[in-house]
Amino acid sequence: MSLKDQITDDMKTAMRARETERLDTIRLLLAAIKQREVDERVPLDGQLSRRSSTK
């Protein structure tokens, strides 16, 4: 299971538990991941590429 899949599962869990702060945080995280994928024009893998953390 990739990190992105795990985050998505965590989002579903937060939705079911009605944990709004946690859900909002996870949504922001997923949006940042998707934005990076669009900017770099490649899907990020489970490691979320070390290159992105150094920018």
Foldseek 3Di string as FASTA:
>chain_A
DAPLVVLVVVLVVCVVVVVVVSNVVSVVVNVVQVVVCVVVVHRQTSVSDPVVVVD
